[in-house]
Amino acid sequence: MMRLLTGVDQNDVSFQFVPLSVTSLGPTVLVEGCDQNRQIFWVHAWTVSDHGIITQVREYFNTSLTVTRFGNSNQSTPSTSPSSSLSSSPSSSPSSSFHCSPLWQSKLSNSAGKSMPGFVLAI
């Protein structure tokens, strides 16, 4: 994938996949690494099944990645009665019932000394 995205020659074998950090957020595993000589920073986001099989891979190069959990704010506090989840106040808007909680942010892209695009991955 890197060769396709960066245009690196296929005969160039100097790139080594060396993870510097590995973080697990439920079924999502985040792996971060870099090649300081080339100033290449990368993050992989792997989705792993209950059986330990990687079912999806996302790959980000020279990008500052923030992983968030997107969900209904009502889910964090269970309701005490079945009817309470059906009622809503007239002043509440649909957008106010959802929130995005940041869970993880890439660290290596901050040490690059140059501006990088930012990306938010909602899980």
N, C-alpha and C. Protein backbone atom coordinates (compact mmCIF):
# COMPACT_ATOMS: atom_id res chain seq x y z
N MET A 1 0.83 -1.19 0.00
CA MET A 1 0.00 0.00 0.00
C MET A 1 0.88 1.26 0.00
N MET A 2 1.96 1.24 0.77
CA MET A 2 2.80 2.42 0.86
C MET A 2 3.37 2.80 -0.51
N ARG A 3 3.78 1.80 -1.28
CA ARG A 3 4.34 2.10 -2.60
C ARG A 3 3.33 2.81 -3.50
N LEU A 4 2.10 2.38 -3.42
CA LEU A 4 1.05 2.99 -4.22
C LEU A 4 0.80 4.43 -3.78
N LEU A 5 0.77 4.66 -2.47
CA LEU A 5 0.45 5.99 -1.95
C LEU A 5 1.60 6.98 -2.04
N THR A 6 2.83 6.49 -1.88
CA THR A 6 3.98 7.41 -1.81
C THR A 6 4.84 7.42 -3.05
N GLY A 7 4.66 6.44 -3.94
CA GLY A 7 5.47 6.39 -5.15
C GLY A 7 6.86 5.84 -4.94
N VAL A 8 7.12 5.19 -3.81
CA VAL A 8 8.43 4.63 -3.52
C VAL A 8 8.69 3.48 -4.49
N ASP A 9 9.91 3.42 -5.00
CA ASP A 9 10.31 2.37 -5.94
C ASP A 9 10.15 0.99 -5.30
N GLN A 10 9.63 0.04 -6.05
CA GLN A 10 9.42 -1.31 -5.53
C GLN A 10 10.72 -1.99 -5.15
N ASN A 11 11.83 -1.61 -5.75
CA ASN A 11 13.13 -2.21 -5.44
C ASN A 11 13.75 -1.62 -4.18
N ASP A 12 13.15 -0.57 -3.64
CA ASP A 12 13.66 0.07 -2.43
C ASP A 12 13.20 -0.74 -1.23
N VAL A 13 14.11 -1.47 -0.61
CA VAL A 13 13.76 -2.33 0.51
C VAL A 13 14.17 -1.72 1.85
N SER A 14 14.53 -0.45 1.88
CA SER A 14 15.02 0.15 3.11
C SER A 14 13.90 0.46 4.11
N PHE A 15 12.65 0.51 3.66
CA PHE A 15 11.56 0.76 4.60
C PHE A 15 11.30 -0.50 5.42
N GLN A 16 11.27 -0.32 6.73
CA GLN A 16 10.98 -1.44 7.62
C GLN A 16 9.76 -1.11 8.46
N PHE A 17 8.89 -2.08 8.59
CA PHE A 17 7.68 -1.92 9.40
C PHE A 17 8.08 -2.15 10.86
N VAL A 18 8.29 -1.06 11.59
CA VAL A 18 8.69 -1.14 12.99
C VAL A 18 7.68 -0.37 13.82
N PRO A 19 6.74 -1.06 14.45
CA PRO A 19 5.75 -0.38 15.29
C PRO A 19 6.41 0.21 16.54
N LEU A 20 6.05 1.44 16.87
CA LEU A 20 6.56 2.08 18.07
C LEU A 20 5.53 2.09 19.19
N SER A 21 4.25 1.96 18.84
CA SER A 21 3.21 1.84 19.86
C SER A 21 2.06 1.01 19.31
N VAL A 22 1.45 0.25 20.21
CA VAL A 22 0.29 -0.57 19.88
C VAL A 22 -0.75 -0.33 20.97
N THR A 23 -1.97 0.05 20.56
CA THR A 23 -3.05 0.33 21.50
C THR A 23 -4.30 -0.40 21.05
N SER A 24 -4.99 -1.01 22.00
CA SER A 24 -6.23 -1.72 21.69
C SER A 24 -7.41 -0.95 22.26
N LEU A 25 -8.41 -0.70 21.41
CA LEU A 25 -9.67 -0.07 21.81
C LEU A 25 -10.80 -1.01 21.39
N GLY A 26 -11.09 -1.99 22.22
CA GLY A 26 -12.09 -2.99 21.86
C GLY A 26 -11.60 -3.80 20.67
N PRO A 27 -12.41 -3.93 19.62
CA PRO A 27 -11.99 -4.71 18.46
C PRO A 27 -11.04 -3.95 17.52
N THR A 28 -10.74 -2.69 17.83
CA THR A 28 -9.84 -1.89 17.00
C THR A 28 -8.46 -1.83 17.63
N VAL A 29 -7.43 -2.17 16.86
CA VAL A 29 -6.05 -2.09 17.31
C VAL A 29 -5.36 -1.00 16.51
N LEU A 30 -4.72 -0.05 17.21
CA LEU A 30 -4.02 1.06 16.56
C LEU A 30 -2.52 0.83 16.71
N VAL A 31 -1.82 0.87 15.57
CA VAL A 31 -0.38 0.65 15.56
C VAL A 31 0.25 1.87 14.91
N GLU A 32 1.24 2.46 15.59
CA GLU A 32 1.86 3.69 15.11
C GLU A 32 3.37 3.49 14.99
N GLY A 33 3.94 4.04 13.93
CA GLY A 33 5.37 3.95 13.74
C GLY A 33 5.86 5.04 12.81
N CYS A 34 7.18 5.06 12.58
CA CYS A 34 7.73 6.09 11.69
C CYS A 34 9.07 5.64 11.13
N ASP A 35 9.46 6.31 10.08
CA ASP A 35 10.79 6.21 9.50
C ASP A 35 11.36 7.62 9.58
N GLN A 36 12.14 7.90 10.62
CA GLN A 36 12.64 9.25 10.87
C GLN A 36 13.51 9.76 9.73
N ASN A 37 14.29 8.88 9.10
CA ASN A 37 15.18 9.31 8.02
C ASN A 37 14.40 9.90 6.85
N ARG A 38 13.26 9.31 6.54
CA ARG A 38 12.45 9.79 5.42
C ARG A 38 11.32 10.71 5.87
N GLN A 39 11.17 10.89 7.15
CA GLN A 39 10.07 11.66 7.73
C GLN A 39 8.71 11.12 7.28
N ILE A 40 8.57 9.81 7.41
CA ILE A 40 7.31 9.14 7.12
C ILE A 40 6.72 8.67 8.44
N PHE A 41 5.51 9.10 8.73
CA PHE A 41 4.80 8.70 9.93
C PHE A 41 3.56 7.94 9.50
N TRP A 42 3.27 6.84 10.17
CA TRP A 42 2.14 6.03 9.74
C TRP A 42 1.36 5.52 10.94
N VAL A 43 0.07 5.27 10.70
CA VAL A 43 -0.82 4.65 11.68
C VAL A 43 -1.64 3.60 10.94
N HIS A 44 -1.71 2.42 11.53
CA HIS A 44 -2.61 1.37 11.04
C HIS A 44 -3.74 1.23 12.05
N ALA A 45 -4.94 1.08 11.56
CA ALA A 45 -6.10 0.76 12.40
C ALA A 45 -6.62 -0.59 11.93
N TRP A 46 -6.45 -1.60 12.76
CA TRP A 46 -6.88 -2.95 12.44
C TRP A 46 -8.17 -3.27 13.18
N THR A 47 -9.13 -3.86 12.50
CA THR A 47 -10.32 -4.39 13.16
C THR A 47 -10.10 -5.89 13.30
N VAL A 48 -10.21 -6.38 14.54
CA VAL A 48 -9.91 -7.77 14.83
C VAL A 48 -11.19 -8.47 15.31
N SER A 49 -11.45 -9.65 14.74
CA SER A 49 -12.65 -10.42 15.12
C SER A 49 -12.45 -11.06 16.49
N ASP A 50 -13.52 -11.64 17.03
CA ASP A 50 -13.45 -12.34 18.31
C ASP A 50 -12.48 -13.52 18.26
N HIS A 51 -12.21 -14.02 17.06
CA HIS A 51 -11.32 -15.17 16.88
C HIS A 51 -9.88 -14.74 16.61
N GLY A 52 -9.60 -13.43 16.69
CA GLY A 52 -8.24 -12.94 16.49
C GLY A 52 -7.84 -12.75 15.04
N ILE A 53 -8.80 -12.72 14.14
CA ILE A 53 -8.52 -12.55 12.72
C ILE A 53 -8.69 -11.08 12.36
N ILE A 54 -7.69 -10.51 11.66
CA ILE A 54 -7.79 -9.12 11.21
C ILE A 54 -8.76 -9.09 10.04
N THR A 55 -9.87 -8.37 10.21
CA THR A 55 -10.91 -8.34 9.18
C THR A 55 -10.89 -7.05 8.38
N GLN A 56 -10.20 -6.02 8.88
CA GLN A 56 -10.14 -4.75 8.15
C GLN A 56 -8.85 -4.03 8.54
N VAL A 57 -8.21 -3.39 7.56
CA VAL A 57 -7.01 -2.60 7.81
C VAL A 57 -7.20 -1.23 7.20
N ARG A 58 -6.94 -0.21 7.99
CA ARG A 58 -6.90 1.17 7.49
C ARG A 58 -5.48 1.66 7.69
N GLU A 59 -4.95 2.38 6.71
CA GLU A 59 -3.55 2.80 6.74
C GLU A 59 -3.49 4.30 6.48
N TYR A 60 -2.79 5.03 7.34
CA TYR A 60 -2.68 6.48 7.22
C TYR A 60 -1.21 6.86 7.24
N PHE A 61 -0.77 7.66 6.26
CA PHE A 61 0.61 8.12 6.18
C PHE A 61 0.66 9.62 6.33
N ASN A 62 1.62 10.09 7.13
CA ASN A 62 1.85 11.52 7.34
C ASN A 62 0.54 12.25 7.61
N THR A 63 -0.23 11.69 8.52
CA THR A 63 -1.53 12.23 8.91
C THR A 63 -1.66 12.17 10.42
N SER A 64 -2.14 13.24 11.01
CA SER A 64 -2.44 13.23 12.44
C SER A 64 -3.82 12.61 12.62
N LEU A 65 -3.87 11.49 13.32
CA LEU A 65 -5.12 10.73 13.45
C LEU A 65 -5.67 10.85 14.87
N THR A 66 -6.96 11.15 14.96
CA THR A 66 -7.68 11.14 16.23
C THR A 66 -8.80 10.12 16.12
N VAL A 67 -8.87 9.21 17.08
CA VAL A 67 -9.91 8.19 17.10
C VAL A 67 -10.94 8.59 18.15
N THR A 68 -12.21 8.59 17.75
CA THR A 68 -13.29 8.97 18.66
C THR A 68 -14.35 7.88 18.67
N ARG A 69 -15.14 7.91 19.71
CA ARG A 69 -16.32 7.04 19.77
C ARG A 69 -17.53 7.92 19.55
N PHE A 70 -18.31 7.59 18.55
CA PHE A 70 -19.49 8.37 18.21
C PHE A 70 -20.70 7.62 18.72
N GLY A 71 -21.52 8.30 19.52
CA GLY A 71 -22.69 7.61 20.02
C GLY A 71 -23.69 8.53 20.64
N ASN A 72 -24.79 7.95 21.04
CA ASN A 72 -25.88 8.67 21.67
C ASN A 72 -25.50 8.94 23.12
N SER A 73 -25.60 10.20 23.54
CA SER A 73 -25.23 10.54 24.91
C SER A 73 -26.15 9.88 25.92
N ASN A 74 -27.35 9.48 25.51
CA ASN A 74 -28.27 8.80 26.42
C ASN A 74 -27.81 7.38 26.73
N GLN A 75 -26.92 6.83 25.90
CA GLN A 75 -26.45 5.47 26.12
C GLN A 75 -25.55 5.38 27.35
N SER A 76 -24.90 6.47 27.73
CA SER A 76 -23.97 6.42 28.84
C SER A 76 -24.67 6.30 30.18
N THR A 77 -25.92 6.74 30.25
CA THR A 77 -26.68 6.61 31.49
C THR A 77 -27.96 5.85 31.20
N PRO A 78 -28.07 4.63 31.72
CA PRO A 78 -29.27 3.85 31.43
C PRO A 78 -30.50 4.49 32.05
N SER A 79 -31.61 4.40 31.35
CA SER A 79 -32.85 4.99 31.86
C SER A 79 -33.45 4.08 32.92
N THR A 80 -34.17 4.68 33.85
CA THR A 80 -34.77 3.90 34.94
C THR A 80 -36.15 3.39 34.59
N SER A 81 -36.79 3.99 33.59
CA SER A 81 -38.10 3.50 33.18
C SER A 81 -38.16 3.46 31.66
N PRO A 82 -38.90 2.50 31.10
CA PRO A 82 -38.97 2.37 29.64
C PRO A 82 -39.51 3.61 28.96
N SER A 83 -40.41 4.34 29.57
CA SER A 83 -41.02 5.48 28.90
C SER A 83 -40.11 6.71 28.90
N SER A 84 -39.11 6.75 29.79
CA SER A 84 -38.27 7.95 29.85
C SER A 84 -37.41 8.12 28.61
N SER A 85 -37.07 7.03 27.92
CA SER A 85 -36.26 7.15 26.72
C SER A 85 -37.08 7.62 25.53
N LEU A 86 -38.39 7.53 25.62
CA LEU A 86 -39.24 7.95 24.51
C LEU A 86 -39.59 9.42 24.56
N SER A 87 -39.52 10.02 25.72
CA SER A 87 -39.89 11.43 25.83
C SER A 87 -38.67 12.31 25.65
N SER A 88 -38.88 13.46 25.04
CA SER A 88 -37.79 14.43 24.89
C SER A 88 -38.37 15.81 25.06
N SER A 89 -37.53 16.69 25.57
CA SER A 89 -38.01 18.05 25.78
C SER A 89 -38.05 18.79 24.46
N PRO A 90 -38.97 19.73 24.29
CA PRO A 90 -39.08 20.45 23.02
C PRO A 90 -37.84 21.27 22.71
N SER A 91 -37.06 21.64 23.73
CA SER A 91 -35.89 22.49 23.47
C SER A 91 -34.69 21.69 23.00
N SER A 92 -34.71 20.36 23.14
CA SER A 92 -33.53 19.59 22.72
C SER A 92 -33.59 19.33 21.22
N SER A 93 -32.44 19.47 20.59
CA SER A 93 -32.35 19.21 19.16
C SER A 93 -31.69 17.86 18.95
N PRO A 94 -31.87 17.25 17.78
CA PRO A 94 -31.26 15.94 17.54
C PRO A 94 -29.75 15.97 17.66
N SER A 95 -29.11 17.07 17.29
CA SER A 95 -27.66 17.13 17.34
C SER A 95 -27.14 17.18 18.77
N SER A 96 -27.94 17.64 19.72
CA SER A 96 -27.47 17.72 21.09
C SER A 96 -27.50 16.38 21.80
N SER A 97 -28.13 15.38 21.21
CA SER A 97 -28.20 14.08 21.86
C SER A 97 -27.04 13.16 21.48
N PHE A 98 -26.14 13.64 20.64
CA PHE A 98 -24.99 12.84 20.24
C PHE A 98 -23.71 13.54 20.66
N HIS A 99 -22.69 12.75 20.91
CA HIS A 99 -21.39 13.32 21.27
C HIS A 99 -20.28 12.48 20.66
N CYS A 100 -19.11 13.07 20.57
CA CYS A 100 -17.92 12.40 20.06
C CYS A 100 -16.86 12.46 21.14
N SER A 101 -16.53 11.34 21.73
CA SER A 101 -15.53 11.30 22.79
C SER A 101 -14.18 10.91 22.21
N PRO A 102 -13.16 11.77 22.31
CA PRO A 102 -11.84 11.38 21.81
C PRO A 102 -11.25 10.27 22.67
N LEU A 103 -10.75 9.22 22.01
CA LEU A 103 -10.19 8.07 22.72
C LEU A 103 -8.68 7.96 22.57
N TRP A 104 -8.15 8.38 21.41
CA TRP A 104 -6.73 8.19 21.12
C TRP A 104 -6.31 9.21 20.08
N GLN A 105 -5.07 9.66 20.14
CA GLN A 105 -4.53 10.57 19.13
C GLN A 105 -3.10 10.18 18.82
N SER A 106 -2.74 10.22 17.54
CA SER A 106 -1.37 9.88 17.15
C SER A 106 -0.41 10.88 17.77
N LYS A 107 0.73 10.38 18.20
CA LYS A 107 1.72 11.22 18.87
C LYS A 107 2.91 11.54 17.97
N LEU A 108 3.26 10.60 17.11
CA LEU A 108 4.47 10.77 16.30
C LEU A 108 4.35 11.89 15.29
N SER A 109 3.15 12.12 14.76
CA SER A 109 2.98 13.18 13.76
C SER A 109 3.26 14.55 14.36
N ASN A 110 3.08 14.70 15.68
CA ASN A 110 3.36 15.98 16.34
C ASN A 110 4.86 16.28 16.37
N SER A 111 5.69 15.25 16.32
CA SER A 111 7.14 15.45 16.38
C SER A 111 7.76 15.68 15.00
N ALA A 112 6.95 15.74 13.97
CA ALA A 112 7.47 15.87 12.61
C ALA A 112 8.07 17.24 12.34
N GLY A 113 7.61 18.24 13.06
CA GLY A 113 8.12 19.59 12.83
C GLY A 113 7.55 20.24 11.59
N LYS A 114 6.50 19.66 11.05
CA LYS A 114 5.84 20.24 9.88
C LYS A 114 4.34 20.00 10.01
N SER A 115 3.59 20.77 9.27
CA SER A 115 2.14 20.66 9.31
C SER A 115 1.69 19.40 8.58
N MET A 116 0.75 18.68 9.20
CA MET A 116 0.19 17.48 8.58
C MET A 116 -1.32 17.57 8.63
N PRO A 117 -1.98 16.97 7.64
CA PRO A 117 -3.44 16.98 7.68
C PRO A 117 -3.94 16.15 8.86
N GLY A 118 -5.10 16.54 9.37
CA GLY A 118 -5.71 15.81 10.47
C GLY A 118 -6.89 15.00 9.97
N PHE A 119 -7.13 13.89 10.63
CA PHE A 119 -8.21 13.00 10.24
C PHE A 119 -8.85 12.45 11.51
N VAL A 120 -10.18 12.36 11.53
CA VAL A 120 -10.90 11.80 12.67
C VAL A 120 -11.52 10.48 12.23
N LEU A 121 -11.21 9.43 12.97
CA LEU A 121 -11.77 8.10 12.71
C LEU A 121 -12.77 7.81 13.82
N ALA A 122 -14.05 7.71 13.47
CA ALA A 122 -15.09 7.41 14.46
C ALA A 122 -15.35 5.91 14.49
N ILE A 123 -15.29 5.34 15.69
CA ILE A 123 -15.54 3.90 15.82
C ILE A 123 -16.75 3.67 16.70
